[in-house]
Amino acid sequence: MPRTITTAERKRRDYLRRRGLAVGAVYEKRLIAARRKEIRSVLAKARDFDDPDMVIPTITKWLDESSYLGKWWQGLYVAAGVPMAKSTARDLRQAKAAAEVDMWQRTLWRYATRRAGENIVIVTGTLKDTLVSIVSDILLGEPSIGVEALTSQIYKRYTGEFERWMARRIAQTETMIGMAEASQAAADTLDVGYTKQWAISGLGNTRETHELMDGVEVDQNEPFILPDCQMMFPHDTSMNAPASEIINCACDCIRRPK
């Protein structure tokens, strides 16, 4: 059943979201820096062949983000998630949380490790596809370009047109997932019964399926039933919700003790 969310509560949720996204912005910059280093390394390999036709095969074979993405995920989830876990614990227990912090960190670290393992190939594949598209576009316009000029243009186009959008999309989505998982981890560690309520951000770009859920309140063990899936809380990935319900979502879950 829907229940009215007060203006004060919406403002508090907005504050928590902005605080988490400030952490996400730091990790966005870290991802950009790590990717630049990786791309420079791969393009250096491509130049060794001295053949423009070898650039795409080199990118598809050698571009590898596994050396840094796992640690990036872990750091982001812990940094953005622990403050959110503390907030949830205070809401439910109405007292300051301290003893559970190490437990929440371990839980978030494990979840981040699993999520990275499930998504590194997809995330890196998207980056490869972007670079291959850039190469193809350059070669279409300049079929006789040399490998030095080609690799230089690849790097320039990627860093100028694509990298920030791609990194921000990943960082913001994963920040919100980490915060949501942290809230659930905190709720799971407390011996407190609670209800949970879906709350949209009010940013003006909320998807229709989430607008329908705004204010809906269910028991702690019940899922939210969306038109196309079920979710235990916004950003929940455990029930196979489609990416369209998760990527760039800014919704939150309000938990209240019974």
Protein backbone atom coordinates (compact mmCIF):
# COMPACT_ATOMS: atom_id res chain seq x y z
CA MET A 1 0.00 0.00 0.00
CA PRO A 2 1.26 3.52 -0.76
CA ARG A 3 2.10 5.71 2.20
CA THR A 4 2.89 9.42 2.08
CA ILE A 5 6.57 10.32 2.24
CA THR A 6 7.13 13.60 4.05
CA THR A 7 9.06 16.47 2.53
CA ALA A 8 11.61 16.20 5.33
CA GLU A 9 12.19 12.52 4.57
CA ARG A 10 12.60 13.20 0.86
CA LYS A 11 15.17 15.90 1.65
CA ARG A 12 17.05 13.47 3.87
CA ARG A 13 17.06 10.83 1.13
CA ASP A 14 18.35 13.42 -1.31
CA TYR A 15 21.15 14.30 1.11
CA LEU A 16 22.14 10.64 1.50
CA ARG A 17 22.11 10.15 -2.27
CA ARG A 18 24.23 13.23 -2.92
CA ARG A 19 26.69 12.21 -0.20
CA GLY A 20 27.08 8.80 -1.79
CA LEU A 21 27.43 10.21 -5.29
CA ALA A 22 30.21 12.51 -4.06
CA VAL A 23 32.13 9.33 -3.24
CA GLY A 24 31.14 7.95 -6.64
CA ALA A 25 32.62 11.03 -8.32
CA VAL A 26 35.99 10.25 -6.72
CA TYR A 27 35.83 6.69 -8.05
CA GLU A 28 34.73 7.96 -11.45
CA LYS A 29 38.03 9.86 -11.68
CA ARG A 30 39.94 6.78 -10.55
CA LEU A 31 38.27 4.69 -13.23
CA ILE A 32 39.09 7.27 -15.88
CA ALA A 33 42.75 7.31 -14.83
CA ALA A 34 43.02 3.51 -14.78
CA ARG A 35 41.37 3.20 -18.19
CA ARG A 36 43.63 5.82 -19.74
CA LYS A 37 46.66 3.89 -18.56
CA GLU A 38 45.28 0.60 -19.94
CA ILE A 39 44.34 2.12 -23.29
CA ARG A 40 47.75 3.76 -23.69
CA SER A 41 49.38 0.39 -23.02
CA VAL A 42 47.24 -1.40 -25.61
CA LEU A 43 47.76 1.30 -28.23
CA ALA A 44 51.52 1.06 -27.68
CA LYS A 45 51.28 -2.65 -28.54
CA ALA A 46 49.32 -1.77 -31.66
CA ARG A 47 52.03 0.66 -32.79
CA ASP A 48 54.62 -2.11 -32.53
CA PHE A 49 52.92 -3.88 -35.45
CA ASP A 50 53.20 -0.74 -37.59
CA ASP A 51 50.04 -1.82 -39.40
CA PRO A 52 46.67 -0.02 -39.05
CA ASP A 53 44.86 -3.28 -39.79
CA MET A 54 46.31 -4.76 -36.58
CA VAL A 55 44.86 -2.08 -34.29
CA ILE A 56 41.42 -3.63 -33.85
CA PRO A 57 42.76 -7.20 -33.30
CA THR A 58 45.20 -5.79 -30.74
CA ILE A 59 42.46 -3.98 -28.85
CA THR A 60 40.16 -6.99 -28.79
CA LYS A 61 42.95 -9.32 -27.69
CA TRP A 62 44.91 -7.25 -25.19
CA LEU A 63 42.54 -4.78 -23.56
CA ASP A 64 42.09 -6.17 -20.05
CA GLU A 65 40.55 -4.38 -17.06
CA SER A 66 40.70 -7.30 -14.63
CA SER A 67 43.82 -5.92 -12.95
CA TYR A 68 41.99 -2.91 -11.53
CA LEU A 69 38.20 -3.22 -11.85
CA GLY A 70 37.80 -5.70 -8.99
CA LYS A 71 39.64 -3.49 -6.52
CA TRP A 72 37.82 -0.45 -7.88
CA TRP A 73 34.45 -2.09 -7.19
CA GLN A 74 35.48 -3.13 -3.68
CA GLY A 75 36.74 0.32 -2.76
CA LEU A 76 33.65 2.07 -4.11
CA TYR A 77 31.16 -0.20 -2.37
CA VAL A 78 32.87 0.10 1.01
CA ALA A 79 33.46 3.86 0.78
CA ALA A 80 29.92 4.69 -0.36
CA GLY A 81 28.18 1.87 1.46
CA VAL A 82 29.38 2.02 5.07
CA PRO A 83 27.98 5.52 5.75
CA MET A 84 24.66 4.37 4.29
CA ALA A 85 24.70 1.26 6.47
CA LYS A 86 25.26 3.41 9.53
CA SER A 87 22.32 5.60 8.59
CA THR A 88 20.04 2.60 8.13
CA ALA A 89 21.12 1.12 11.46
CA ARG A 90 20.36 4.39 13.23
CA ASP A 91 16.92 4.50 11.61
CA LEU A 92 16.04 0.98 12.69
CA ARG A 93 17.70 0.80 16.09
CA GLN A 94 17.46 4.51 16.83
CA ALA A 95 20.96 4.44 18.27
CA LYS A 96 24.49 4.97 16.98
CA ALA A 97 26.02 2.01 15.13
CA ALA A 98 29.65 1.03 15.60
CA ALA A 99 30.20 -2.64 16.36
CA GLU A 100 28.84 -3.85 13.02
CA VAL A 101 31.05 -1.69 10.77
CA ASP A 102 33.67 -4.39 10.19
CA MET A 103 30.92 -6.88 9.37
CA TRP A 104 29.34 -4.50 6.86
CA GLN A 105 32.70 -3.86 5.24
CA ARG A 106 33.30 -7.58 4.79
CA THR A 107 29.78 -8.08 3.41
CA LEU A 108 30.22 -5.23 0.92
CA TRP A 109 33.68 -6.44 -0.06
CA ARG A 110 32.33 -9.91 -0.81
CA TYR A 111 29.37 -8.57 -2.77
CA ALA A 112 31.60 -6.20 -4.75
CA THR A 113 33.94 -9.09 -5.55
CA ARG A 114 31.06 -11.18 -6.83
CA ARG A 115 29.54 -8.34 -8.83
CA ALA A 116 32.88 -7.49 -10.39
CA GLY A 117 33.37 -11.13 -11.36
CA GLU A 118 29.95 -11.15 -13.01
CA ASN A 119 30.38 -7.85 -14.84
CA ILE A 120 34.05 -7.24 -15.72
CA VAL A 121 33.70 -9.02 -19.06
CA ILE A 122 30.57 -7.00 -19.92
CA VAL A 123 32.04 -3.67 -18.83
CA THR A 124 35.32 -4.28 -20.65
CA GLY A 125 33.45 -5.55 -23.69
CA THR A 126 31.58 -2.25 -23.88
CA LEU A 127 34.87 -0.35 -23.74
CA LYS A 128 36.33 -2.56 -26.49
CA ASP A 129 33.26 -2.01 -28.65
CA THR A 130 33.59 1.75 -28.18
CA LEU A 131 37.25 1.74 -29.19
CA VAL A 132 36.61 -0.52 -32.18
CA SER A 133 33.83 1.83 -33.30
CA ILE A 134 36.21 4.78 -33.05
CA VAL A 135 38.85 2.93 -35.08
CA SER A 136 36.34 1.97 -37.76
CA ASP A 137 35.09 5.53 -38.02
CA ILE A 138 38.61 6.92 -38.40
CA LEU A 139 39.58 4.34 -41.03
CA LEU A 140 36.39 5.01 -42.97
CA GLY A 141 37.34 8.67 -43.29
CA GLU A 142 41.08 8.16 -43.70
CA PRO A 143 41.74 4.66 -45.13
CA SER A 144 45.44 5.37 -45.77
CA ILE A 145 46.21 6.74 -42.30
CA GLY A 146 49.41 5.50 -40.64
CA VAL A 147 49.37 3.59 -37.38
CA GLU A 148 50.96 6.41 -35.35
CA ALA A 149 48.36 8.93 -36.48
CA LEU A 150 45.59 6.35 -36.05
CA THR A 151 46.45 5.46 -32.45
CA SER A 152 46.85 9.14 -31.61
CA GLN A 153 43.38 9.89 -32.97
CA ILE A 154 41.87 6.91 -31.14
CA TYR A 155 43.17 8.17 -27.81
CA LYS A 156 42.13 11.74 -28.52
CA ARG A 157 38.58 10.80 -29.54
CA TYR A 158 38.07 8.45 -26.63
CA THR A 159 39.34 10.84 -23.99
CA GLY A 160 37.50 13.76 -25.50
CA GLU A 161 34.11 12.28 -26.36
CA PHE A 162 33.42 9.03 -24.57
CA GLU A 163 35.43 8.41 -21.42
CA ARG A 164 33.67 10.66 -18.93
CA TRP A 165 30.18 9.60 -20.01
CA MET A 166 31.11 5.92 -19.79
CA ALA A 167 32.89 6.22 -16.43
CA ARG A 168 30.13 8.33 -14.91
CA ARG A 169 27.43 5.89 -16.01
CA ILE A 170 29.29 3.01 -14.36
CA ALA A 171 30.30 4.92 -11.22
CA GLN A 172 26.86 6.37 -10.52
CA THR A 173 25.04 3.09 -11.09
CA GLU A 174 27.48 1.09 -8.96
CA THR A 175 27.48 3.72 -6.21
CA MET A 176 23.71 3.44 -5.87
CA ILE A 177 23.88 -0.37 -5.92
CA GLY A 178 26.58 -0.34 -3.24
CA MET A 179 24.55 1.99 -1.04
CA ALA A 180 21.42 -0.13 -1.48
CA GLU A 181 23.29 -3.34 -0.63
CA ALA A 182 24.83 -1.63 2.40
CA SER A 183 21.40 -0.61 3.70
CA GLN A 184 20.19 -4.17 3.33
CA ALA A 185 23.32 -5.54 5.00
CA ALA A 186 22.74 -3.24 7.96
CA ALA A 187 19.09 -4.22 8.24
CA ASP A 188 20.04 -7.90 8.11
CA THR A 189 22.44 -7.59 11.06
CA LEU A 190 19.89 -6.02 13.41
CA ASP A 191 17.28 -7.93 15.34
CA VAL A 192 14.61 -5.39 14.41
CA GLY A 193 11.44 -5.99 12.44
CA TYR A 194 10.75 -3.34 9.85
CA THR A 195 8.76 -2.24 6.85
CA LYS A 196 10.33 -0.84 3.69
CA GLN A 197 9.07 1.87 1.37
CA TRP A 198 10.08 2.73 -2.18
CA ALA A 199 11.01 6.39 -2.64
CA ILE A 200 11.83 8.04 -5.96
CA SER A 201 14.43 10.79 -6.15
CA GLY A 202 12.25 13.48 -7.67
CA LEU A 203 15.03 14.46 -10.10
CA GLY A 204 12.61 14.67 -12.99
CA ASN A 205 13.91 11.72 -15.01
CA THR A 206 12.34 8.90 -12.99
CA ARG A 207 11.26 5.96 -15.12
CA GLU A 208 7.55 5.23 -15.26
CA THR A 209 7.78 1.86 -13.54
CA HIS A 210 9.45 3.49 -10.53
CA GLU A 211 6.97 6.36 -10.36
CA LEU A 212 4.29 3.70 -9.91
CA MET A 213 6.21 2.35 -6.90
CA ASP A 214 6.72 5.69 -5.14
CA GLY A 215 5.37 5.45 -1.59
CA VAL A 216 4.58 1.73 -1.82
CA GLU A 217 5.32 0.04 1.49
CA VAL A 218 5.80 -3.70 2.10
CA ASP A 219 7.01 -5.94 4.88
CA GLN A 220 10.74 -6.58 5.22
CA ASN A 221 10.58 -10.02 3.60
CA GLU A 222 8.23 -9.08 0.77
CA PRO A 223 9.40 -7.94 -2.67
CA PHE A 224 8.29 -4.82 -4.46
CA ILE A 225 6.26 -5.95 -7.45
CA LEU A 226 7.03 -3.85 -10.52
CA PRO A 227 5.25 -4.26 -13.87
CA ASP A 228 8.12 -6.28 -15.36
CA CYS A 229 9.94 -7.79 -12.36
CA GLN A 230 10.24 -8.07 -8.60
CA MET A 231 12.88 -6.40 -6.45
CA MET A 232 13.55 -6.57 -2.73
CA PHE A 233 14.63 -2.92 -2.81
CA PRO A 234 15.63 -0.35 -5.44
CA HIS A 235 18.87 -1.42 -7.21
CA ASP A 236 18.39 -5.03 -6.09
CA THR A 237 20.02 -7.47 -8.51
CA SER A 238 19.15 -10.69 -6.66
CA MET A 239 15.85 -11.39 -8.43
CA ASN A 240 17.08 -10.94 -12.01
CA ALA A 241 15.61 -7.49 -12.51
CA PRO A 242 16.50 -6.19 -15.98
CA ALA A 243 19.30 -3.64 -16.30
CA SER A 244 16.71 -1.11 -17.45
CA GLU A 245 15.34 -1.04 -13.90
CA ILE A 246 18.76 -0.54 -12.31
CA ILE A 247 21.09 1.54 -14.50
CA ASN A 248 21.05 5.23 -13.57
CA CYS A 249 18.28 4.68 -11.03
CA ALA A 250 18.33 7.17 -8.13
CA CYS A 251 15.53 5.67 -6.03
CA ASP A 252 15.94 4.75 -2.38
CA CYS A 253 14.39 2.47 0.21
CA ILE A 254 13.09 3.82 3.53
CA ARG A 255 13.15 1.26 6.33
CA ARG A 256 11.09 1.86 9.47
CA PRO A 257 10.99 -0.25 12.64
CA LYS A 258 7.64 -1.90 13.31
